[in-house]
Amino acid sequence: MDKTNNEVIMMTLTLRAINRVENEDIFLMIQEMGEGENGFVNSLLSDDLEMFYQKLHRNIEISQGINLGEGFVPQTLYWFFVDEQPVGYGKLRHHLNERLLEHGGHIGYAIRPSERKKGYGKLALKELVAKAVEKDINKILLTVNEENTPSRKVIEASNGELARIKDGVCNYWITINM
């Protein structure tokens, strides 16, 4: 069936916390994302599946607060899926320290390059905000590089309020009234 300009295409993005073992589709997505960009660090980038699984295991420990290094806080990683295909992933930090108040915030996310400009960023942020609320985080900080206009638009469309710009980094707060 052909789509007309008047049809609304509904898409559902689902989140799933990472597991110790994931399928190759996720590994390939991580490879496509490369080292990261615009302030998002792709800490899962790996040379091979074995290294990838080691990083998954370590990130599960981090989500549980196990063996955290100096200056690190617990964070949970979530995969984003559309039609059962991985399109990106996000990080939700359970609380902030002084460093994360400057750069990092509660939420970081990235969409794989081949899936950008499809509205997944807005859907992903909405779902990550819901996960933050589940963890009793009602005032959510997002930081973004000042020149990253697409991400800034996503945050602003999600009720993010610009609090400041310092050294090329924008701090946005999303406040959830309960």
Foldseek 3Di string as FASTA:
>chain_A
DDDDPPDDDDWAKDKDWFDLDDDVLVLVLLVLCPQHDQQDGSPQNDPDRVSNSVVSVVLVCLLVVHPDDPQHARKIKIFIDIPNGTFWIKIAGLDHDPVVQVPPWGMDIDTRPVPPPPCVLLNVVVVSVVVNVVSVNFKTKHKGFQPPVVNVVSCVVVVWDFPDADPRMTITIDGHDD
